[in-house]
């Protein structure tokens, strides 16, 4: 039980740091909020094809 409490405290610290850094903005892994257009899709397909 104590290990869970410590884990939750650590998670809260990380979340607080993240909130201070990003505020209401999206995280990098969620993108920068720009709409996706056909060029972006084509570029993503090219990158996927190159990695295979």
Protein backbone atom coordinates (compact mmCIF):
# COMPACT_ATOMS: atom_id res chain seq x y z
CA UNK A 1 0.00 0.00 0.00
CA UNK A 2 2.83 2.40 0.84
CA UNK A 3 4.48 1.79 -2.55
CA UNK A 4 1.26 2.83 -4.28
CA UNK A 5 1.09 6.05 -2.28
CA UNK A 6 4.68 6.85 -3.21
CA UNK A 7 3.95 6.08 -6.86
CA UNK A 8 0.88 8.34 -6.86
CA UNK A 9 2.88 11.14 -5.24
CA UNK A 10 5.54 10.80 -7.95
CA UNK A 11 2.87 10.81 -10.67
CA UNK A 12 1.34 13.96 -9.18
CA UNK A 13 4.76 15.67 -9.21
CA UNK A 14 5.31 14.74 -12.85
CA UNK A 15 1.81 15.93 -13.81
CA UNK A 16 2.33 19.22 -11.99
CA UNK A 17 5.66 19.79 -13.75
CA UNK A 18 4.05 18.97 -17.10
CA UNK A 19 1.15 21.35 -16.43
CA UNK A 20 3.57 24.13 -15.49
CA UNK A 21 5.56 23.55 -18.66
CA UNK A 22 2.70 23.14 -21.15
CA UNK A 23 -0.25 24.87 -19.54
CA UNK A 24 -3.25 24.42 -21.83
CA UNK A 25 -1.10 23.51 -24.84
CA UNK A 26 -0.94 20.01 -26.28
CA UNK A 27 2.02 17.78 -25.58
CA UNK A 28 4.44 17.18 -28.45
CA UNK A 29 3.08 13.70 -29.07
CA UNK A 30 -0.38 15.15 -29.67
CA UNK A 31 0.85 17.55 -32.33
CA UNK A 32 0.84 21.30 -32.46
CA UNK A 33 -2.87 21.73 -33.10
CA UNK A 34 -2.55 22.42 -36.82
CA UNK A 35 -5.23 20.89 -39.03
CA UNK A 36 -4.20 17.82 -41.00
CA UNK A 37 -4.17 18.37 -44.73
CA UNK A 38 -3.46 16.07 -47.68
CA UNK A 39 0.21 17.13 -47.77
CA UNK A 40 0.69 16.11 -44.15
CA UNK A 41 -0.93 12.75 -44.83
CA UNK A 42 1.24 12.17 -47.91
CA UNK A 43 4.37 13.04 -45.91
CA UNK A 44 3.36 10.62 -43.13
CA UNK A 45 2.78 7.87 -45.71
CA UNK A 46 6.21 8.51 -47.29
CA UNK A 47 7.89 8.26 -43.87
CA UNK A 48 6.07 5.02 -43.09
CA UNK A 49 6.94 3.55 -46.50
CA UNK A 50 10.61 4.48 -46.06
CA UNK A 51 10.80 2.79 -42.67
CA UNK A 52 9.51 -0.53 -44.08
